[in-house]
Amino acid sequence: MAFTTLPIAGVDLTKVYPTGEVPTFGPLAVETFASDGKRYVFAVAGAAITASTATCSINASTFVATGSAGSYTSPATALVSGDYAWFSATSV
């Protein structure tokens, strides 16, 4: 499991906050680098996204993620619209 390498406390990069649950971490758009060499962005799913989808895109102004045409990977848990999660991208 990857962990953040920046000084932000309490970040669980595998946690998915289901629709209706208030995230204990925020705001959207927060980024961190992790021990697995990836950059993670905290975003909200704009539609259903299958687990570990490697072509997610994240809107740069709203931080809404979609499951197509992008360079991010969704978490290992399937998402529904409105779920908050960390999306990863290769940083090197």
Protein backbone atom coordinates (compact mmCIF):
# COMPACT_ATOMS: atom_id res chain seq x y z
CA MET A 1 0.00 0.00 0.00
CA ALA A 2 1.31 3.41 -0.95
CA PHE A 3 1.62 6.18 1.62
CA THR A 4 2.17 9.90 1.25
CA THR A 5 5.73 11.16 1.32
CA LEU A 6 4.72 14.77 1.97
CA PRO A 7 3.95 16.19 5.39
CA ILE A 8 0.15 15.77 5.34
CA ALA A 9 -1.16 13.78 8.28
CA GLY A 10 -3.99 11.25 8.22
CA VAL A 11 -4.13 10.59 4.49
CA ASP A 12 -5.37 7.14 3.45
CA LEU A 13 -4.78 6.95 -0.30
CA THR A 14 -6.98 3.83 -0.57
CA LYS A 15 -10.03 5.29 1.19
CA VAL A 16 -13.21 5.86 -0.82
CA TYR A 17 -15.84 8.15 0.68
CA PRO A 18 -19.24 6.95 -0.59
CA THR A 19 -21.89 9.35 -1.84
CA GLY A 20 -23.50 11.03 1.14
CA GLU A 21 -20.54 10.48 3.47
CA VAL A 22 -18.65 13.64 4.31
CA PRO A 23 -14.94 13.12 3.59
CA THR A 24 -12.70 13.49 6.60
CA PHE A 25 -10.10 14.91 4.26
CA GLY A 26 -10.36 17.73 1.79
CA PRO A 27 -10.61 19.93 -0.12
CA LEU A 28 -10.84 18.63 -3.65
CA ALA A 29 -7.72 19.23 -5.73
CA VAL A 30 -5.25 18.37 -2.96
CA GLU A 31 -2.27 16.55 -4.40
CA THR A 32 0.42 14.45 -2.78
CA PHE A 33 3.31 12.30 -3.88
CA ALA A 34 3.45 8.75 -2.55
CA SER A 35 5.95 6.02 -1.82
CA ASP A 36 4.93 4.15 -5.00
CA GLY A 37 6.31 6.95 -7.20
CA LYS A 38 2.87 8.29 -8.15
CA ARG A 39 1.13 11.61 -7.70
CA TYR A 40 -2.35 11.40 -6.14
CA VAL A 41 -5.20 13.90 -6.60
CA PHE A 42 -8.30 14.02 -4.37
CA ALA A 43 -11.38 14.25 -6.63
CA VAL A 44 -15.05 13.31 -6.88
CA ALA A 45 -16.43 10.78 -9.36
CA GLY A 46 -18.76 12.39 -11.88
CA ALA A 47 -20.13 9.02 -13.02
CA ALA A 48 -19.68 5.34 -12.29
CA ILE A 49 -16.01 4.35 -12.66
CA THR A 50 -14.84 0.75 -12.59
CA ALA A 51 -12.08 -0.30 -10.20
CA SER A 52 -8.51 0.43 -11.27
CA THR A 53 -9.51 2.19 -14.50
CA ALA A 54 -6.30 3.46 -16.05
CA THR A 55 -7.84 6.08 -18.33
CA CYS A 56 -9.58 8.46 -15.92
CA SER A 57 -9.59 12.17 -16.55
CA ILE A 58 -10.01 14.91 -13.94
CA ASN A 59 -11.43 18.31 -14.82
CA ALA A 60 -8.82 20.89 -13.79
CA SER A 61 -11.35 23.44 -12.53
CA THR A 62 -14.03 21.26 -10.87
CA PHE A 63 -11.96 18.20 -9.95
CA VAL A 64 -14.70 15.89 -11.17
CA ALA A 65 -13.30 12.58 -12.45
CA THR A 66 -14.62 10.55 -15.36
CA GLY A 67 -13.64 7.06 -16.45
CA SER A 68 -12.31 7.85 -19.90
CA ALA A 69 -9.68 9.69 -21.93
CA GLY A 70 -7.20 10.59 -19.23
CA SER A 71 -3.95 9.69 -17.54
CA TYR A 72 -5.20 8.95 -14.01
CA THR A 73 -5.98 5.57 -12.45
CA SER A 74 -9.00 5.14 -10.22
CA PRO A 75 -8.76 3.35 -6.86
CA ALA A 76 -9.04 -0.44 -6.56
CA THR A 77 -12.69 0.00 -5.52
CA ALA A 78 -15.46 0.72 -8.04
CA LEU A 79 -16.94 4.20 -7.71
CA VAL A 80 -20.41 5.61 -8.28
CA SER A 81 -21.20 9.21 -9.09
CA GLY A 82 -20.53 11.38 -6.05
CA ASP A 83 -17.90 9.16 -4.41
CA TYR A 84 -14.72 10.94 -3.26
CA ALA A 85 -11.38 9.21 -3.74
CA TRP A 86 -7.69 9.56 -4.54
CA PHE A 87 -6.76 9.12 -8.21
CA SER A 88 -3.17 8.32 -9.14
CA ALA A 89 -0.93 9.24 -12.06
CA THR A 90 2.67 8.39 -12.82
CA SER A 91 4.85 11.24 -11.62
CA VAL A 92 8.13 10.31 -13.31
